[in-house]
Protein backbone atom coordinates (compact mmCIF):
# COMPACT_ATOMS: atom_id res chain seq x y z
CA MET A 1 0.00 0.00 0.00
CA LYS A 2 2.91 2.33 0.75
CA GLU A 3 4.22 1.88 -2.82
CA ILE A 4 0.81 2.77 -4.26
CA LEU A 5 0.58 5.95 -2.20
CA MET A 6 4.15 6.95 -3.09
CA ALA A 7 3.46 6.38 -6.80
CA LEU A 8 0.28 8.43 -6.57
CA ALA A 9 2.08 11.26 -4.75
CA GLY A 10 4.90 11.23 -7.31
CA GLY A 11 2.42 11.34 -10.17
CA ILE A 12 0.54 14.23 -8.63
CA LEU A 13 3.77 16.18 -8.10
CA VAL A 14 4.86 15.62 -11.70
CA GLY A 15 1.43 16.63 -12.98
CA LEU A 16 1.46 19.81 -10.91
CA LEU A 17 4.99 20.68 -12.00
CA PHE A 18 4.24 20.18 -15.70
CA LYS A 19 1.06 22.26 -15.51
CA PHE A 20 2.87 24.98 -13.55
CA ILE A 21 5.55 25.36 -16.25
CA LYS A 22 2.86 25.04 -18.94
CA LEU A 23 4.06 21.82 -20.55
CA PRO A 24 1.83 19.03 -21.84
CA LEU A 25 1.35 16.21 -19.38
CA PRO A 26 3.88 13.37 -19.88
CA ALA A 27 1.17 10.71 -19.94
CA PRO A 28 -0.91 9.03 -22.63
CA PRO A 29 -4.70 9.22 -22.64
CA VAL A 30 -6.28 7.53 -19.62
CA PHE A 31 -7.53 4.25 -21.14
CA SER A 32 -4.37 3.53 -23.11
CA ALA A 33 -2.29 4.29 -20.01
CA VAL A 34 -4.21 1.76 -17.94
CA VAL A 35 -3.94 -0.86 -20.69
CA GLY A 36 -0.21 -0.17 -21.06
CA VAL A 37 0.45 -0.53 -17.34
CA PHE A 38 -1.55 -3.76 -17.28
CA GLY A 39 0.45 -5.04 -20.26
CA VAL A 40 3.75 -4.35 -18.53
CA TYR A 41 2.59 -6.07 -15.35
CA PHE A 42 1.12 -9.05 -17.22
CA GLY A 43 4.32 -9.41 -19.25
CA GLY A 44 6.29 -9.67 -16.04
CA VAL A 45 3.91 -12.30 -14.69
CA VAL A 46 4.13 -14.34 -17.90
CA TYR A 47 7.92 -14.16 -17.76
CA GLU A 48 7.90 -15.56 -14.21
CA TRP A 49 5.56 -18.38 -15.32
CA LEU A 50 7.83 -19.25 -18.24
CA ILE A 51 10.95 -19.28 -16.06
CA ARG A 52 9.28 -21.62 -13.55
CA PHE A 53 7.92 -23.85 -16.33
CA PHE A 54 11.25 -24.31 -18.10
CA GLN A 55 13.34 -24.66 -14.94
CA SER A 56 11.28 -27.50 -13.50
């Protein structure tokens, strides 16, 4: 839970900073961002499954 709150706080700070200096936000549209994060996480899970499968 601590990691989630730290990530949220970091994201909020970056968003505030970028808006303050009038730059576009360094993030993709909301839905594609969620799908991208899920893809990265799922890729890591699949990698772990493959390592366990081929090592046993």
